[in-house]
Amino acid sequence: MDNKHAFGFALRFALALLVVATTLAVSCPQPTPPEPPEPVVETKSEERKQLESAFVEGLYLKGSCALSFDQATFQRAANPLRRNYRIQSDDQSRYLNVFYSDALPQQVDDEVECEIHYKLGAGESTTLIVKLVVLKATDDYLWLWNEFQKVGMIVQRL
């Protein structure tokens, strides 16, 4: 075999290998790409948004301020050792009394179980035992919320 034929044979062999390799590469199954993550959709209720935008200390039920602290006609008491916070009207016809069952909440996303007693006027008082989460916190106040019962409070930090 002379050089011309050997070169032609080598070239045809190389082209055949290239065709086979390309065919094999194209026919190999490709890995399935991962599913794109589902977009995070903010699901804040309207009642929660109303509490987050509020600034009046007090009790919020279903998005509305049911009992607000008024410095002219209300008193406030807080006892960090007893984990108790209370606001009440001077005539004691309306009040909010909160007992923290756990450690006192301090920062956003802290959760705390509370026993809440309140009276909104003439009639019976109401007692709730709820787990609340801190939505907002300032140096002086906490915004506490329970999404299931749509109950929230803006209270002074103990």
C-alpha atoms as a PDB file:
ATOM      1  CA  MET A   1       0.000   0.000   0.000  1.00  0.00           C
ATOM      2  CA  ASP A   2       1.536   3.292  -0.970  1.00  0.00           C
ATOM      3  CA  ASN A   3       1.346   6.500   1.051  1.00  0.00           C
ATOM      4  CA  LYS A   4      -1.503   7.905  -1.040  1.00  0.00           C
ATOM      5  CA  HIS A   5      -3.706   4.879  -0.385  1.00  0.00           C
ATOM      6  CA  ALA A   6      -2.677   4.716   3.290  1.00  0.00           C
ATOM      7  CA  PHE A   7      -3.539   8.400   3.733  1.00  0.00           C
ATOM      8  CA  GLY A   8      -6.918   7.934   1.999  1.00  0.00           C
ATOM      9  CA  PHE A   9      -7.663   4.877   4.144  1.00  0.00           C
ATOM     10  CA  ALA A  10      -6.747   6.732   7.340  1.00  0.00           C
ATOM     11  CA  LEU A  11      -8.895   9.709   6.306  1.00  0.00           C
ATOM     12  CA  ARG A  12     -11.928   7.502   5.527  1.00  0.00           C
ATOM     13  CA  PHE A  13     -11.412   5.638   8.818  1.00  0.00           C
ATOM     14  CA  ALA A  14     -11.237   8.912  10.778  1.00  0.00           C
ATOM     15  CA  LEU A  15     -14.379  10.227   9.049  1.00  0.00           C
ATOM     16  CA  ALA A  16     -16.203   6.959   9.786  1.00  0.00           C
ATOM     17  CA  LEU A  17     -15.200   7.194  13.459  1.00  0.00           C
ATOM     18  CA  LEU A  18     -16.384  10.822  13.563  1.00  0.00           C
ATOM     19  CA  VAL A  19     -19.765   9.869  12.066  1.00  0.00           C
ATOM     20  CA  VAL A  20     -20.175   6.959  14.522  1.00  0.00           C
ATOM     21  CA  ALA A  21     -19.148   9.083  17.530  1.00  0.00           C
ATOM     22  CA  THR A  22     -21.484  11.920  16.511  1.00  0.00           C
ATOM     23  CA  THR A  23     -24.363   9.497  15.978  1.00  0.00           C
ATOM     24  CA  LEU A  24     -23.783   7.930  19.397  1.00  0.00           C
ATOM     25  CA  ALA A  25     -23.496  11.302  21.104  1.00  0.00           C
ATOM     26  CA  VAL A  26     -26.715  12.583  19.555  1.00  0.00           C
ATOM     27  CA  SER A  27     -28.615   9.403  20.407  1.00  0.00           C
ATOM     28  CA  CYS A  28     -27.595   9.424  24.115  1.00  0.00           C
ATOM     29  CA  PRO A  29     -30.457  10.445  26.349  1.00  0.00           C
ATOM     30  CA  GLN A  30     -30.016  13.894  27.861  1.00  0.00           C
ATOM     31  CA  PRO A  31     -30.581  14.416  31.573  1.00  0.00           C
ATOM     32  CA  THR A  32     -33.985  15.799  32.420  1.00  0.00           C
ATOM     33  CA  PRO A  33     -33.595  19.403  33.525  1.00  0.00           C
ATOM     34  CA  PRO A  34     -34.968  20.130  36.995  1.00  0.00           C
ATOM     35  CA  GLU A  35     -38.407  21.655  37.224  1.00  0.00           C
ATOM     36  CA  PRO A  36     -38.233  25.396  37.766  1.00  0.00           C
ATOM     37  CA  PRO A  37     -39.208  26.323  41.317  1.00  0.00           C
ATOM     38  CA  GLU A  38     -42.715  27.562  41.778  1.00  0.00           C
ATOM     39  CA  PRO A  39     -42.820  31.301  42.271  1.00  0.00           C
ATOM     40  CA  VAL A  40     -43.293  32.419  45.855  1.00  0.00           C
ATOM     41  CA  VAL A  41     -46.645  34.107  46.124  1.00  0.00           C
ATOM     42  CA  GLU A  42     -47.225  36.353  49.080  1.00  0.00           C
ATOM     43  CA  THR A  43     -50.331  35.118  50.827  1.00  0.00           C
ATOM     44  CA  LYS A  44     -50.827  37.728  53.515  1.00  0.00           C
ATOM     45  CA  SER A  45     -54.459  38.105  54.430  1.00  0.00           C
ATOM     46  CA  GLU A  46     -56.104  41.515  54.265  1.00  0.00           C
ATOM     47  CA  GLU A  47     -56.537  41.417  58.041  1.00  0.00           C
ATOM     48  CA  ARG A  48     -52.815  40.837  58.547  1.00  0.00           C
ATOM     49  CA  LYS A  49     -51.964  43.675  56.176  1.00  0.00           C
ATOM     50  CA  GLN A  50     -54.283  45.954  58.146  1.00  0.00           C
ATOM     51  CA  LEU A  51     -52.535  45.072  61.411  1.00  0.00           C
ATOM     52  CA  GLU A  52     -49.079  45.534  59.870  1.00  0.00           C
ATOM     53  CA  SER A  53     -50.038  49.026  58.691  1.00  0.00           C
ATOM     54  CA  ALA A  54     -51.662  50.001  62.006  1.00  0.00           C
ATOM     55  CA  PHE A  55     -49.841  51.997  64.660  1.00  0.00           C
ATOM     56  CA  VAL A  56     -52.343  52.211  67.550  1.00  0.00           C
ATOM     57  CA  GLU A  57     -51.600  50.081  70.600  1.00  0.00           C
ATOM     58  CA  GLY A  58     -54.438  47.656  71.284  1.00  0.00           C
ATOM     59  CA  LEU A  59     -56.378  44.542  70.255  1.00  0.00           C
ATOM     60  CA  TYR A  60     -57.232  43.799  66.615  1.00  0.00           C
ATOM     61  CA  LEU A  61     -59.962  41.347  65.617  1.00  0.00           C
ATOM     62  CA  LYS A  62     -60.499  40.395  61.985  1.00  0.00           C
ATOM     63  CA  GLY A  63     -58.445  43.382  60.810  1.00  0.00           C
ATOM     64  CA  SER A  64     -60.186  46.077  62.830  1.00  0.00           C
ATOM     65  CA  CYS A  65     -59.007  47.710  66.014  1.00  0.00           C
ATOM     66  CA  ALA A  66     -61.465  46.402  68.615  1.00  0.00           C
ATOM     67  CA  LEU A  67     -59.819  48.027  71.635  1.00  0.00           C
ATOM     68  CA  SER A  68     -57.333  50.864  71.389  1.00  0.00           C
ATOM     69  CA  PHE A  69     -55.229  52.386  74.120  1.00  0.00           C
ATOM     70  CA  ASP A  70     -56.117  56.026  74.748  1.00  0.00           C
ATOM     71  CA  GLN A  71     -53.716  57.723  77.139  1.00  0.00           C
ATOM     72  CA  ALA A  72     -56.418  60.150  78.323  1.00  0.00           C
ATOM     73  CA  THR A  73     -58.924  57.483  79.430  1.00  0.00           C
ATOM     74  CA  PHE A  74     -56.872  54.281  79.796  1.00  0.00           C
ATOM     75  CA  GLN A  75     -54.257  52.869  82.120  1.00  0.00           C
ATOM     76  CA  ARG A  76     -51.405  50.546  81.218  1.00  0.00           C
ATOM     77  CA  ALA A  77     -49.585  48.015  83.376  1.00  0.00           C
ATOM     78  CA  ALA A  78     -46.823  45.597  82.500  1.00  0.00           C
ATOM     79  CA  ASN A  79     -44.924  43.056  84.566  1.00  0.00           C
ATOM     80  CA  PRO A  80     -42.069  41.296  82.745  1.00  0.00           C
ATOM     81  CA  LEU A  81     -41.442  38.910  85.644  1.00  0.00           C
ATOM     82  CA  ARG A  82     -45.040  37.683  85.527  1.00  0.00           C
ATOM     83  CA  ARG A  83     -45.077  37.941  81.699  1.00  0.00           C
ATOM     84  CA  ASN A  84     -48.226  40.078  81.905  1.00  0.00           C
ATOM     85  CA  TYR A  85     -49.402  43.121  79.937  1.00  0.00           C
ATOM     86  CA  ARG A  86     -52.666  44.978  80.536  1.00  0.00           C
ATOM     87  CA  ILE A  87     -54.492  48.032  79.248  1.00  0.00           C
ATOM     88  CA  GLN A  88     -57.859  49.065  80.670  1.00  0.00           C
ATOM     89  CA  SER A  89     -60.250  51.967  80.548  1.00  0.00           C
ATOM     90  CA  ASP A  90     -60.369  54.093  83.710  1.00  0.00           C
ATOM     91  CA  ASP A  91     -63.832  52.703  84.551  1.00  0.00           C
ATOM     92  CA  GLN A  92     -62.601  49.126  83.785  1.00  0.00           C
ATOM     93  CA  SER A  93     -65.493  48.551  81.368  1.00  0.00           C
ATOM     94  CA  ARG A  94     -63.013  47.729  78.573  1.00  0.00           C
ATOM     95  CA  TYR A  95     -59.708  45.948  78.936  1.00  0.00           C
ATOM     96  CA  LEU A  96     -57.068  43.733  77.356  1.00  0.00           C
ATOM     97  CA  ASN A  97     -55.068  41.438  79.615  1.00  0.00           C
ATOM     98  CA  VAL A  98     -52.301  39.285  78.112  1.00  0.00           C
ATOM     99  CA  PHE A  99     -50.397  36.482  79.857  1.00  0.00           C
ATOM    100  CA  TYR A 100     -47.412  35.186  77.902  1.00  0.00           C
ATOM    101  CA  SER A 101     -47.126  31.426  78.529  1.00  0.00           C
ATOM    102  CA  ASP A 102     -43.603  31.185  77.132  1.00  0.00           C
ATOM    103  CA  ALA A 103     -40.569  33.403  77.104  1.00  0.00           C
ATOM    104  CA  LEU A 104     -41.353  36.961  76.117  1.00  0.00           C
ATOM    105  CA  PRO A 105     -41.186  37.613  72.378  1.00  0.00           C
ATOM    106  CA  GLN A 106     -38.378  39.901  71.307  1.00  0.00           C
ATOM    107  CA  GLN A 107     -37.923  39.934  67.532  1.00  0.00           C
ATOM    108  CA  VAL A 108     -39.659  39.321  64.219  1.00  0.00           C
ATOM    109  CA  ASP A 109     -40.716  35.664  63.708  1.00  0.00           C
ATOM    110  CA  ASP A 110     -40.624  34.832  67.439  1.00  0.00           C
ATOM    111  CA  GLU A 111     -43.655  32.739  68.378  1.00  0.00           C
ATOM    112  CA  VAL A 112     -45.369  32.889  71.743  1.00  0.00           C
ATOM    113  CA  GLU A 113     -48.436  31.276  73.246  1.00  0.00           C
ATOM    114  CA  CYS A 114     -50.693  33.755  75.036  1.00  0.00           C
ATOM    115  CA  GLU A 115     -53.770  33.679  77.179  1.00  0.00           C
ATOM    116  CA  ILE A 116     -55.729  36.783  76.214  1.00  0.00           C
ATOM    117  CA  HIS A 117     -58.640  38.131  78.254  1.00  0.00           C
ATOM    118  CA  TYR A 118     -60.567  41.074  76.879  1.00  0.00           C
ATOM    119  CA  LYS A 119     -63.790  42.967  77.359  1.00  0.00           C
ATOM    120  CA  LEU A 120     -64.991  45.433  74.757  1.00  0.00           C
ATOM    121  CA  GLY A 121     -67.843  47.032  76.695  1.00  0.00           C
ATOM    122  CA  ALA A 122     -70.974  45.978  78.495  1.00  0.00           C
ATOM    123  CA  GLY A 123     -71.317  42.230  78.441  1.00  0.00           C
ATOM    124  CA  GLU A 124     -69.142  39.242  79.010  1.00  0.00           C
ATOM    125  CA  SER A 125     -65.421  39.054  78.799  1.00  0.00           C
ATOM    126  CA  THR A 126     -63.734  36.757  76.284  1.00  0.00           C
ATOM    127  CA  THR A 127     -60.746  34.470  76.772  1.00  0.00           C
ATOM    128  CA  LEU A 128     -58.520  33.226  73.956  1.00  0.00           C
ATOM    129  CA  ILE A 129     -55.503  30.966  74.115  1.00  0.00           C
ATOM    130  CA  VAL A 130     -53.532  31.472  70.920  1.00  0.00           C
ATOM    131  CA  LYS A 131     -50.082  31.154  69.465  1.00  0.00           C
ATOM    132  CA  LEU A 132     -48.952  34.475  68.030  1.00  0.00           C
ATOM    133  CA  VAL A 133     -46.009  35.396  65.842  1.00  0.00           C
ATOM    134  CA  VAL A 134     -44.163  38.709  65.890  1.00  0.00           C
ATOM    135  CA  LEU A 135     -44.745  40.445  62.545  1.00  0.00           C
ATOM    136  CA  LYS A 136     -43.000  43.727  63.342  1.00  0.00           C
ATOM    137  CA  ALA A 137     -40.879  45.007  66.180  1.00  0.00           C
ATOM    138  CA  THR A 138     -39.633  48.431  67.202  1.00  0.00           C
ATOM    139  CA  ASP A 139     -37.698  49.460  70.287  1.00  0.00           C
ATOM    140  CA  ASP A 140     -41.001  50.042  72.113  1.00  0.00           C
ATOM    141  CA  TYR A 141     -43.707  47.927  70.453  1.00  0.00           C
ATOM    142  CA  LEU A 142     -44.457  44.474  69.025  1.00  0.00           C
ATOM    143  CA  TRP A 143     -47.026  43.551  66.391  1.00  0.00           C
ATOM    144  CA  LEU A 144     -48.329  40.051  67.275  1.00  0.00           C
ATOM    145  CA  TRP A 145     -50.583  38.018  64.957  1.00  0.00           C
ATOM    146  CA  ASN A 146     -52.487  34.734  64.674  1.00  0.00           C
ATOM    147  CA  GLU A 147     -53.511  34.126  61.059  1.00  0.00           C
ATOM    148  CA  PHE A 148     -56.001  31.313  61.736  1.00  0.00           C
ATOM    149  CA  GLN A 149     -58.101  33.277  64.221  1.00  0.00           C
ATOM    150  CA  LYS A 150     -57.351  36.696  62.650  1.00  0.00           C
ATOM    151  CA  VAL A 151     -56.368  38.042  66.078  1.00  0.00           C
ATOM    152  CA  GLY A 152     -53.590  40.522  66.579  1.00  0.00           C
ATOM    153  CA  MET A 153     -52.204  43.025  69.029  1.00  0.00           C
ATOM    154  CA  ILE A 154     -49.898  45.967  69.094  1.00  0.00           C
ATOM    155  CA  VAL A 155     -48.392  45.893  72.563  1.00  0.00           C
ATOM    156  CA  GLN A 156     -45.594  47.545  74.428  1.00  0.00           C
ATOM    157  CA  ARG A 157     -42.420  45.513  74.673  1.00  0.00           C
ATOM    158  CA  LEU A 158     -41.980  44.046  78.167  1.00  0.00           C
END
